[in-house]
C-alpha atoms as a PDB file:
ATOM      1  CA  MET A   1       0.001  -0.005   0.003  1.00  0.00           C
ATOM      2  CA  GLU A   2       1.122   3.564  -0.584  1.00  0.00           C
ATOM      3  CA  SER A   3       3.249   4.884   2.269  1.00  0.00           C
ATOM      4  CA  LEU A   4       1.541   6.722   5.108  1.00  0.00           C
ATOM      5  CA  VAL A   5       2.445  10.192   6.277  1.00  0.00           C
ATOM      6  CA  LEU A   6       2.721  10.305  10.060  1.00  0.00           C
ATOM      7  CA  ALA A   7       4.623  13.384  11.085  1.00  0.00           C
ATOM      8  CA  TRP A   8       3.208  16.746  12.136  1.00  0.00           C
ATOM      9  CA  THR A   9       5.075  19.877  11.094  1.00  0.00           C
ATOM     10  CA  ARG A  10       4.055  23.412  11.982  1.00  0.00           C
ATOM     11  CA  GLN A  11       5.690  26.146   9.943  1.00  0.00           C
ATOM     12  CA  PRO A  12       5.300  29.926   9.944  1.00  0.00           C
ATOM     13  CA  LEU A  13       1.873  30.855   8.627  1.00  0.00           C
ATOM     14  CA  ASP A  14       1.615  32.369   5.199  1.00  0.00           C
ATOM     15  CA  GLU A  15      -1.634  33.783   3.747  1.00  0.00           C
ATOM     16  CA  SER A  16      -2.990  30.280   3.072  1.00  0.00           C
ATOM     17  CA  GLY A  17      -2.090  29.232   6.631  1.00  0.00           C
ATOM     18  CA  VAL A  18      -4.136  32.081   8.061  1.00  0.00           C
ATOM     19  CA  MET A  19      -7.033  31.014   5.856  1.00  0.00           C
ATOM     20  CA  LEU A  20      -6.768  27.445   7.136  1.00  0.00           C
ATOM     21  CA  GLN A  21      -6.728  28.594  10.758  1.00  0.00           C
ATOM     22  CA  GLY A  22      -9.934  30.511  10.122  1.00  0.00           C
ATOM     23  CA  GLY A  23     -11.438  27.316   8.758  1.00  0.00           C
ATOM     24  CA  TYR A  24     -10.757  25.470  11.991  1.00  0.00           C
ATOM     25  CA  GLN A  25     -12.783  27.959  13.991  1.00  0.00           C
ATOM     26  CA  SER A  26     -15.519  28.318  11.379  1.00  0.00           C
ATOM     27  CA  VAL A  27     -16.281  24.611  11.206  1.00  0.00           C
ATOM     28  CA  LEU A  28     -16.536  24.528  15.001  1.00  0.00           C
ATOM     29  CA  GLU A  29     -19.232  27.170  14.819  1.00  0.00           C
ATOM     30  CA  ALA A  30     -21.330  25.499  12.095  1.00  0.00           C
ATOM     31  CA  ARG A  31     -24.847  24.950  13.417  1.00  0.00           C
ATOM     32  CA  SER A  32     -26.528  23.134  10.528  1.00  0.00           C
ATOM     33  CA  ARG A  33     -25.797  20.496   7.882  1.00  0.00           C
ATOM     34  CA  ASP A  34     -25.669  23.163   5.159  1.00  0.00           C
ATOM     35  CA  ALA A  35     -23.268  25.338   7.158  1.00  0.00           C
ATOM     36  CA  PHE A  36     -21.079  22.317   7.847  1.00  0.00           C
ATOM     37  CA  PHE A  37     -21.041  21.439   4.153  1.00  0.00           C
ATOM     38  CA  GLN A  38     -19.992  24.973   3.223  1.00  0.00           C
ATOM     39  CA  GLU A  39     -17.148  25.036   5.760  1.00  0.00           C
ATOM     40  CA  VAL A  40     -15.753  21.660   4.648  1.00  0.00           C
ATOM     41  CA  GLU A  41     -16.009  22.627   0.992  1.00  0.00           C
ATOM     42  CA  ARG A  42     -14.268  25.965   1.663  1.00  0.00           C
ATOM     43  CA  PHE A  43     -11.441  24.200   3.513  1.00  0.00           C
ATOM     44  CA  THR A  44     -11.133  21.591   0.744  1.00  0.00           C
ATOM     45  CA  LYS A  45     -10.623  24.293  -1.857  1.00  0.00           C
ATOM     46  CA  ALA A  46      -8.141  26.143   0.361  1.00  0.00           C
ATOM     47  CA  MET A  47      -6.164  22.878   0.516  1.00  0.00           C
ATOM     48  CA  GLU A  48      -6.255  22.757  -3.303  1.00  0.00           C
ATOM     49  CA  PHE A  49      -8.430  19.644  -3.493  1.00  0.00           C
ATOM     50  CA  GLU A  50     -11.498  19.315  -5.695  1.00  0.00           C
ATOM     51  CA  THR A  51     -13.807  16.893  -3.895  1.00  0.00           C
ATOM     52  CA  PHE A  52     -14.449  15.789  -0.331  1.00  0.00           C
ATOM     53  CA  ASN A  53     -16.425  13.335   1.727  1.00  0.00           C
ATOM     54  CA  ALA A  54     -17.100  13.892   5.439  1.00  0.00           C
ATOM     55  CA  MET A  55     -18.810  10.877   6.951  1.00  0.00           C
ATOM     56  CA  THR A  56     -20.052   9.840  10.371  1.00  0.00           C
ATOM     57  CA  VAL A  57     -20.445   6.151  11.106  1.00  0.00           C
ATOM     58  CA  VAL A  58     -22.472   4.697  13.979  1.00  0.00           C
ATOM     59  CA  ASP A  59     -22.049   1.018  14.806  1.00  0.00           C
ATOM     60  CA  HIS A  60     -25.258  -0.671  15.925  1.00  0.00           C
ATOM     61  CA  ALA A  61     -25.942  -4.119  17.300  1.00  0.00           C
ATOM     62  CA  LEU A  62     -25.527  -7.267  15.207  1.00  0.00           C
ATOM     63  CA  GLY A  63     -22.700  -5.769  13.211  1.00  0.00           C
ATOM     64  CA  ARG A  64     -24.865  -3.190  11.440  1.00  0.00           C
ATOM     65  CA  SER A  65     -23.385   0.262  10.773  1.00  0.00           C
ATOM     66  CA  GLU A  66     -25.121   3.458   9.735  1.00  0.00           C
ATOM     67  CA  PHE A  67     -23.364   5.881   7.391  1.00  0.00           C
ATOM     68  CA  ILE A  68     -24.296   9.587   7.143  1.00  0.00           C
ATOM     69  CA  SER A  69     -22.184  11.809   4.948  1.00  0.00           C
ATOM     70  CA  VAL A  70     -21.919  15.116   3.147  1.00  0.00           C
ATOM     71  CA  ASP A  71     -19.890  15.430  -0.040  1.00  0.00           C
ATOM     72  CA  ASN A  72     -19.534  17.354  -3.272  1.00  0.00           C
ATOM     73  CA  CYS A  73     -18.985  14.340  -5.525  1.00  0.00           C
ATOM     74  CA  PRO A  74     -19.682  14.897  -9.250  1.00  0.00           C
ATOM     75  CA  PRO A  75     -22.893  13.691 -10.907  1.00  0.00           C
ATOM     76  CA  GLY A  76     -22.895   9.967 -11.541  1.00  0.00           C
ATOM     77  CA  PHE A  77     -20.160   9.086  -9.069  1.00  0.00           C
ATOM     78  CA  SER A  78     -22.504   7.947  -6.283  1.00  0.00           C
ATOM     79  CA  GLU A  79     -24.389   5.696  -8.675  1.00  0.00           C
ATOM     80  CA  ALA A  80     -21.124   4.176  -9.897  1.00  0.00           C
ATOM     81  CA  TRP A  81     -20.133   3.359  -6.327  1.00  0.00           C
ATOM     82  CA  ASN A  82     -23.549   2.327  -5.035  1.00  0.00           C
ATOM     83  CA  ASP A  83     -22.555  -1.309  -4.531  1.00  0.00           C
ATOM     84  CA  PRO A  84     -21.523  -1.913  -0.880  1.00  0.00           C
ATOM     85  CA  ALA A  85     -19.268  -4.730  -2.063  1.00  0.00           C
ATOM     86  CA  LEU A  86     -16.968  -2.145  -3.621  1.00  0.00           C
ATOM     87  CA  GLY A  87     -16.222  -0.671  -0.206  1.00  0.00           C
ATOM     88  CA  MET A  88     -15.172  -4.106   0.983  1.00  0.00           C
ATOM     89  CA  ARG A  89     -12.481  -4.150  -1.731  1.00  0.00           C
ATOM     90  CA  ASP A  90     -11.449  -0.488  -1.595  1.00  0.00           C
ATOM     91  CA  PRO A  91      -7.999  -0.402   0.063  1.00  0.00           C
ATOM     92  CA  VAL A  92      -8.475   3.188   1.276  1.00  0.00           C
ATOM     93  CA  MET A  93     -11.756   2.408   3.035  1.00  0.00           C
ATOM     94  CA  GLN A  94     -10.355  -0.810   4.498  1.00  0.00           C
ATOM     95  CA  HIS A  95      -7.356   1.088   5.848  1.00  0.00           C
ATOM     96  CA  CYS A  96      -9.554   3.735   7.482  1.00  0.00           C
ATOM     97  CA  LYS A  97     -11.786   1.055   8.972  1.00  0.00           C
ATOM     98  CA  LYS A  98      -8.851  -0.244  11.007  1.00  0.00           C
ATOM     99  CA  GLN A  99      -6.430   2.667  11.403  1.00  0.00           C
ATOM    100  CA  SER A 100      -6.381   6.260  12.631  1.00  0.00           C
ATOM    101  CA  VAL A 101      -3.223   7.052  10.643  1.00  0.00           C
ATOM    102  CA  PRO A 102      -3.979   9.061   7.471  1.00  0.00           C
ATOM    103  CA  ILE A 103      -3.426   7.356   4.148  1.00  0.00           C
ATOM    104  CA  VAL A 104      -2.029   9.163   1.109  1.00  0.00           C
ATOM    105  CA  TRP A 105      -3.274   7.234  -1.895  1.00  0.00           C
ATOM    106  CA  ASN A 106      -2.958   7.115  -5.696  1.00  0.00           C
ATOM    107  CA  GLN A 107      -3.246   4.532  -8.454  1.00  0.00           C
ATOM    108  CA  LYS A 108      -0.405   2.432  -7.010  1.00  0.00           C
ATOM    109  CA  THR A 109      -2.354   2.028  -3.765  1.00  0.00           C
ATOM    110  CA  TYR A 110      -5.131   0.221  -5.642  1.00  0.00           C
ATOM    111  CA  VAL A 111      -2.936  -1.713  -8.056  1.00  0.00           C
ATOM    112  CA  ASP A 112      -0.801  -3.104  -5.199  1.00  0.00           C
ATOM    113  CA  GLN A 113      -3.990  -4.465  -3.571  1.00  0.00           C
ATOM    114  CA  GLY A 114      -5.348  -6.023  -6.747  1.00  0.00           C
ATOM    115  CA  ALA A 115      -8.061  -3.390  -7.107  1.00  0.00           C
ATOM    116  CA  GLY A 116      -6.735  -1.398 -10.054  1.00  0.00           C
ATOM    117  CA  GLU A 117     -10.095  -1.512 -11.826  1.00  0.00           C
ATOM    118  CA  LEU A 118     -11.690   0.348  -8.890  1.00  0.00           C
ATOM    119  CA  TRP A 119      -9.215   3.182  -9.337  1.00  0.00           C
ATOM    120  CA  GLU A 120     -10.009   3.255 -13.083  1.00  0.00           C
ATOM    121  CA  VAL A 121     -13.711   3.742 -12.306  1.00  0.00           C
ATOM    122  CA  GLN A 122     -13.250   6.580  -9.842  1.00  0.00           C
ATOM    123  CA  ALA A 123     -10.486   8.248 -11.898  1.00  0.00           C
ATOM    124  CA  ARG A 124     -13.071   8.968 -14.598  1.00  0.00           C
ATOM    125  CA  TYR A 125     -14.753  11.259 -12.061  1.00  0.00           C
ATOM    126  CA  GLY A 126     -11.561  13.046 -11.000  1.00  0.00           C
ATOM    127  CA  TYR A 127     -10.654  10.796  -8.054  1.00  0.00           C
ATOM    128  CA  ARG A 128      -7.061  10.055  -8.999  1.00  0.00           C
ATOM    129  CA  THR A 129      -5.238  10.777  -5.719  1.00  0.00           C
ATOM    130  CA  GLY A 130      -6.004  12.094  -2.256  1.00  0.00           C
ATOM    131  CA  ILE A 131      -5.723  11.882   1.509  1.00  0.00           C
ATOM    132  CA  CYS A 132      -8.136  10.061   3.779  1.00  0.00           C
ATOM    133  CA  LEU A 133      -8.290   9.601   7.539  1.00  0.00           C
ATOM    134  CA  ALA A 134     -10.571   8.252  10.232  1.00  0.00           C
ATOM    135  CA  LEU A 135     -11.099   9.208  13.865  1.00  0.00           C
ATOM    136  CA  HIS A 136     -12.458   6.334  15.965  1.00  0.00           C
ATOM    137  CA  LEU A 137     -14.436   7.323  19.055  1.00  0.00           C
ATOM    138  CA  PRO A 138     -15.927   5.415  22.009  1.00  0.00           C
ATOM    139  CA  GLU A 139     -19.375   3.852  21.840  1.00  0.00           C
ATOM    140  CA  GLY A 140     -19.069   2.840  18.186  1.00  0.00           C
ATOM    141  CA  ARG A 141     -18.799   6.268  16.586  1.00  0.00           C
ATOM    142  CA  HIS A 142     -16.388   7.168  13.803  1.00  0.00           C
ATOM    143  CA  PHE A 143     -15.606  10.168  11.644  1.00  0.00           C
ATOM    144  CA  LEU A 144     -14.014   9.865   8.207  1.00  0.00           C
ATOM    145  CA  LEU A 145     -12.674  12.718   6.102  1.00  0.00           C
ATOM    146  CA  GLY A 146     -11.351  12.338   2.578  1.00  0.00           C
ATOM    147  CA  MET A 147     -10.148  14.973   0.123  1.00  0.00           C
ATOM    148  CA  ASP A 148      -9.387  14.093  -3.483  1.00  0.00           C
ATOM    149  CA  ARG A 149      -8.193  15.630  -6.747  1.00  0.00           C
ATOM    150  CA  SER A 150      -7.130  14.795 -10.273  1.00  0.00           C
ATOM    151  CA  ASP A 151      -3.637  16.379 -10.120  1.00  0.00           C
ATOM    152  CA  ASP A 152      -0.707  14.713  -8.396  1.00  0.00           C
ATOM    153  CA  LEU A 153       0.006  15.587  -4.774  1.00  0.00           C
ATOM    154  CA  PRO A 154       3.215  17.532  -3.937  1.00  0.00           C
ATOM    155  CA  SER A 155       6.399  15.504  -4.342  1.00  0.00           C
ATOM    156  CA  ASP A 156       8.169  17.529  -1.628  1.00  0.00           C
ATOM    157  CA  PRO A 157       7.882  15.467   1.614  1.00  0.00           C
ATOM    158  CA  VAL A 158       7.778  18.572   3.833  1.00  0.00           C
ATOM    159  CA  GLN A 159       4.947  20.132   1.840  1.00  0.00           C
ATOM    160  CA  LEU A 160       2.993  16.882   1.763  1.00  0.00           C
ATOM    161  CA  THR A 161       3.500  16.300   5.491  1.00  0.00           C
ATOM    162  CA  ARG A 162       2.215  19.779   6.253  1.00  0.00           C
ATOM    163  CA  MET A 163      -0.823  19.148   4.050  1.00  0.00           C
ATOM    164  CA  VAL A 164      -1.609  15.978   5.975  1.00  0.00           C
ATOM    165  CA  ALA A 165      -1.121  17.741   9.323  1.00  0.00           C
ATOM    166  CA  ASP A 166      -3.467  20.579   8.329  1.00  0.00           C
ATOM    167  CA  MET A 167      -6.086  18.052   7.294  1.00  0.00           C
ATOM    168  CA  GLN A 168      -5.699  16.122  10.561  1.00  0.00           C
ATOM    169  CA  LEU A 169      -6.188  19.264  12.587  1.00  0.00           C
ATOM    170  CA  PHE A 170      -9.243  20.254  10.589  1.00  0.00           C
ATOM    171  CA  ALA A 171     -10.711  16.757  11.094  1.00  0.00           C
ATOM    172  CA  VAL A 172     -10.339  17.079  14.870  1.00  0.00           C
ATOM    173  CA  HIS A 173     -12.302  20.326  14.779  1.00  0.00           C
ATOM    174  CA  ALA A 174     -14.886  19.035  12.312  1.00  0.00           C
ATOM    175  CA  MET A 175     -15.564  15.742  14.095  1.00  0.00           C
ATOM    176  CA  ASP A 176     -17.827  16.962  16.903  1.00  0.00           C
ATOM    177  CA  THR A 177     -19.660  19.335  14.579  1.00  0.00           C
ATOM    178  CA  ALA A 178     -20.355  16.426  12.215  1.00  0.00           C
ATOM    179  CA  LEU A 179     -21.687  14.289  15.060  1.00  0.00           C
ATOM    180  CA  ARG A 180     -23.830  17.189  16.235  1.00  0.00           C
ATOM    181  CA  VAL A 181     -25.362  18.271  12.924  1.00  0.00           C
ATOM    182  CA  LEU A 182     -25.486  14.976  11.010  1.00  0.00           C
ATOM    183  CA  LEU A 183     -26.735  12.513  13.624  1.00  0.00           C
ATOM    184  CA  PRO A 184     -30.378  12.534  14.776  1.00  0.00           C
ATOM    185  CA  PRO A 185     -30.867  13.676  18.394  1.00  0.00           C
ATOM    186  CA  GLU A 186     -31.536  10.184  19.709  1.00  0.00           C
ATOM    187  CA  GLN A 187     -28.067   9.033  18.522  1.00  0.00           C
ATOM    188  CA  GLN A 188     -26.112  11.931  19.938  1.00  0.00           C
ATOM    189  CA  LEU A 189     -24.070  11.480  23.099  1.00  0.00           C
ATOM    190  CA  GLU A 190     -24.906  13.767  25.983  1.00  0.00           C
ATOM    191  CA  ARG A 191     -22.480  16.671  26.273  1.00  0.00           C
ATOM    192  CA  PRO A 192     -20.816  17.260  29.653  1.00  0.00           C
ATOM    193  CA  HIS A 193     -22.386  19.960  31.814  1.00  0.00           C
ATOM    194  CA  LEU A 194     -19.935  22.647  32.926  1.00  0.00           C
ATOM    195  CA  THR A 195     -20.920  25.465  35.242  1.00  0.00           C
ATOM    196  CA  PRO A 196     -20.776  29.051  33.968  1.00  0.00           C
ATOM    197  CA  ARG A 197     -17.705  29.715  36.150  1.00  0.00           C
ATOM    198  CA  GLU A 198     -15.908  26.642  34.778  1.00  0.00           C
ATOM    199  CA  LEU A 199     -16.657  27.745  31.207  1.00  0.00           C
ATOM    200  CA  GLU A 200     -15.508  31.294  31.937  1.00  0.00           C
ATOM    201  CA  ALA A 201     -12.229  29.991  33.399  1.00  0.00           C
ATOM    202  CA  LEU A 202     -11.643  27.892  30.260  1.00  0.00           C
ATOM    203  CA  ARG A 203     -12.443  30.872  28.013  1.00  0.00           C
ATOM    204  CA  TRP A 204      -9.765  32.988  29.717  1.00  0.00           C
ATOM    205  CA  THR A 205      -7.390  30.018  29.594  1.00  0.00           C
ATOM    206  CA  MET A 206      -8.001  29.882  25.854  1.00  0.00           C
ATOM    207  CA  ASP A 207      -6.776  33.479  25.674  1.00  0.00           C
ATOM    208  CA  GLY A 208      -3.479  32.401  27.282  1.00  0.00           C
ATOM    209  CA  LYS A 209      -4.189  33.614  30.798  1.00  0.00           C
ATOM    210  CA  THR A 210      -2.498  31.922  33.751  1.00  0.00           C
ATOM    211  CA  ALA A 211      -4.514  30.665  36.708  1.00  0.00           C
ATOM    212  CA  TRP A 212      -3.438  33.731  38.700  1.00  0.00           C
ATOM    213  CA  GLU A 213      -4.604  36.030  35.871  1.00  0.00           C
ATOM    214  CA  VAL A 214      -7.885  34.109  35.524  1.00  0.00           C
ATOM    215  CA  GLY A 215      -8.463  34.532  39.270  1.00  0.00           C
ATOM    216  CA  THR A 216      -7.790  38.269  39.079  1.00  0.00           C
ATOM    217  CA  ILE A 217     -10.146  38.749  36.119  1.00  0.00           C
ATOM    218  CA  MET A 218     -12.900  36.697  37.716  1.00  0.00           C
ATOM    219  CA  SER A 219     -12.371  38.257  41.175  1.00  0.00           C
ATOM    220  CA  ILE A 220     -11.578  34.907  42.773  1.00  0.00           C
ATOM    221  CA  THR A 221      -8.453  33.408  44.294  1.00  0.00           C
ATOM    222  CA  GLU A 222      -5.866  31.637  42.172  1.00  0.00           C
ATOM    223  CA  ARG A 223      -6.710  28.418  44.005  1.00  0.00           C
ATOM    224  CA  THR A 224     -10.384  28.727  43.093  1.00  0.00           C
ATOM    225  CA  ALA A 225      -9.452  29.441  39.462  1.00  0.00           C
ATOM    226  CA  VAL A 226      -7.341  26.278  39.421  1.00  0.00           C
ATOM    227  CA  LEU A 227     -10.298  24.360  40.885  1.00  0.00           C
ATOM    228  CA  HIS A 228     -12.671  25.606  38.137  1.00  0.00           C
ATOM    229  CA  ILE A 229     -10.166  24.668  35.418  1.00  0.00           C
ATOM    230  CA  SER A 230      -9.496  21.270  36.987  1.00  0.00           C
ATOM    231  CA  ASN A 231     -13.231  20.545  37.269  1.00  0.00           C
ATOM    232  CA  GLY A 232     -13.651  21.454  33.616  1.00  0.00           C
ATOM    233  CA  MET A 233     -10.808  19.116  32.649  1.00  0.00           C
ATOM    234  CA  ARG A 234     -12.347  16.266  34.660  1.00  0.00           C
ATOM    235  CA  LYS A 235     -15.816  16.697  33.206  1.00  0.00           C
ATOM    236  CA  LEU A 236     -14.399  16.845  29.670  1.00  0.00           C
ATOM    237  CA  GLY A 237     -12.211  13.804  30.257  1.00  0.00           C
ATOM    238  CA  CYS A 238      -8.953  15.645  29.469  1.00  0.00           C
ATOM    239  CA  ASN A 239      -5.486  15.374  30.958  1.00  0.00           C
ATOM    240  CA  ASN A 240      -4.506  19.037  30.709  1.00  0.00           C
ATOM    241  CA  LYS A 241      -6.079  22.448  30.314  1.00  0.00           C
ATOM    242  CA  HIS A 242      -5.065  22.825  26.677  1.00  0.00           C
ATOM    243  CA  GLN A 243      -6.889  19.631  25.710  1.00  0.00           C
ATOM    244  CA  ALA A 244      -9.891  20.793  27.734  1.00  0.00           C
ATOM    245  CA  VAL A 245     -10.012  24.136  25.897  1.00  0.00           C
ATOM    246  CA  LEU A 246      -9.869  22.429  22.492  1.00  0.00           C
ATOM    247  CA  LYS A 247     -12.561  19.900  23.398  1.00  0.00           C
ATOM    248  CA  ALA A 248     -14.820  22.644  24.812  1.00  0.00           C
ATOM    249  CA  LEU A 249     -14.384  24.487  21.521  1.00  0.00           C
ATOM    250  CA  ARG A 250     -15.197  21.379  19.475  1.00  0.00           C
ATOM    251  CA  LEU A 251     -18.330  20.779  21.562  1.00  0.00           C
ATOM    252  CA  GLY A 252     -19.448  24.386  21.129  1.00  0.00           C
ATOM    253  CA  LEU A 253     -19.312  25.013  24.869  1.00  0.00           C
ATOM    254  CA  ILE A 254     -17.048  28.041  24.431  1.00  0.00           C
ATOM    255  CA  ARG A 255     -16.132  30.284  21.492  1.00  0.00           C
END
């Protein structure tokens, strides 16, 4: 199978980097399926891809899974891939089913797995190469994000690694929004309840304030500020305050 890109690199932001950062925040704030679609499509184009598929998967009893997705696939593509048996042979989908590591794929990926004819079918619709990844969550929930294009991906390893890292970061932000706007209410997991003071402490932490500064701003002691932040971390199931801030953002608890 085509080699996987694992490393994260963060380089000084150019104009496109600023645009991508704005996309992270915007997808967090999407409040409807249409708004989510628009944000993913905008990010896809900023990444210089042509098509995307953002999919939530919910595993039910007896081995049955439910797939809910948004995409901008060209006319005719969905009909060409309507056979579930194709997904069982698709090396990209099979990789994402088992792994959380992104896969960078092209024709060789399919040929090496004896599925070259599948690549030929999708290549007619512009799906010649791309990046795909999956995030696997507790309680049988998964989020898949794929971006595809007809032109070759960058040959420079640094540029390609940065592209994968940007897509990974966007997927982390998009995941909770997808679960919130795509799944019916009865399938959504209950969000943790944080008190207004805990949320306020996390908001100031997001702005880079120390616990002492948070206490001063909120007119409480530093020890109480630490307690609010720690309680927020515990309720969100995070090991540090930075993870807690990011998760609270993803869940729409703070902005």
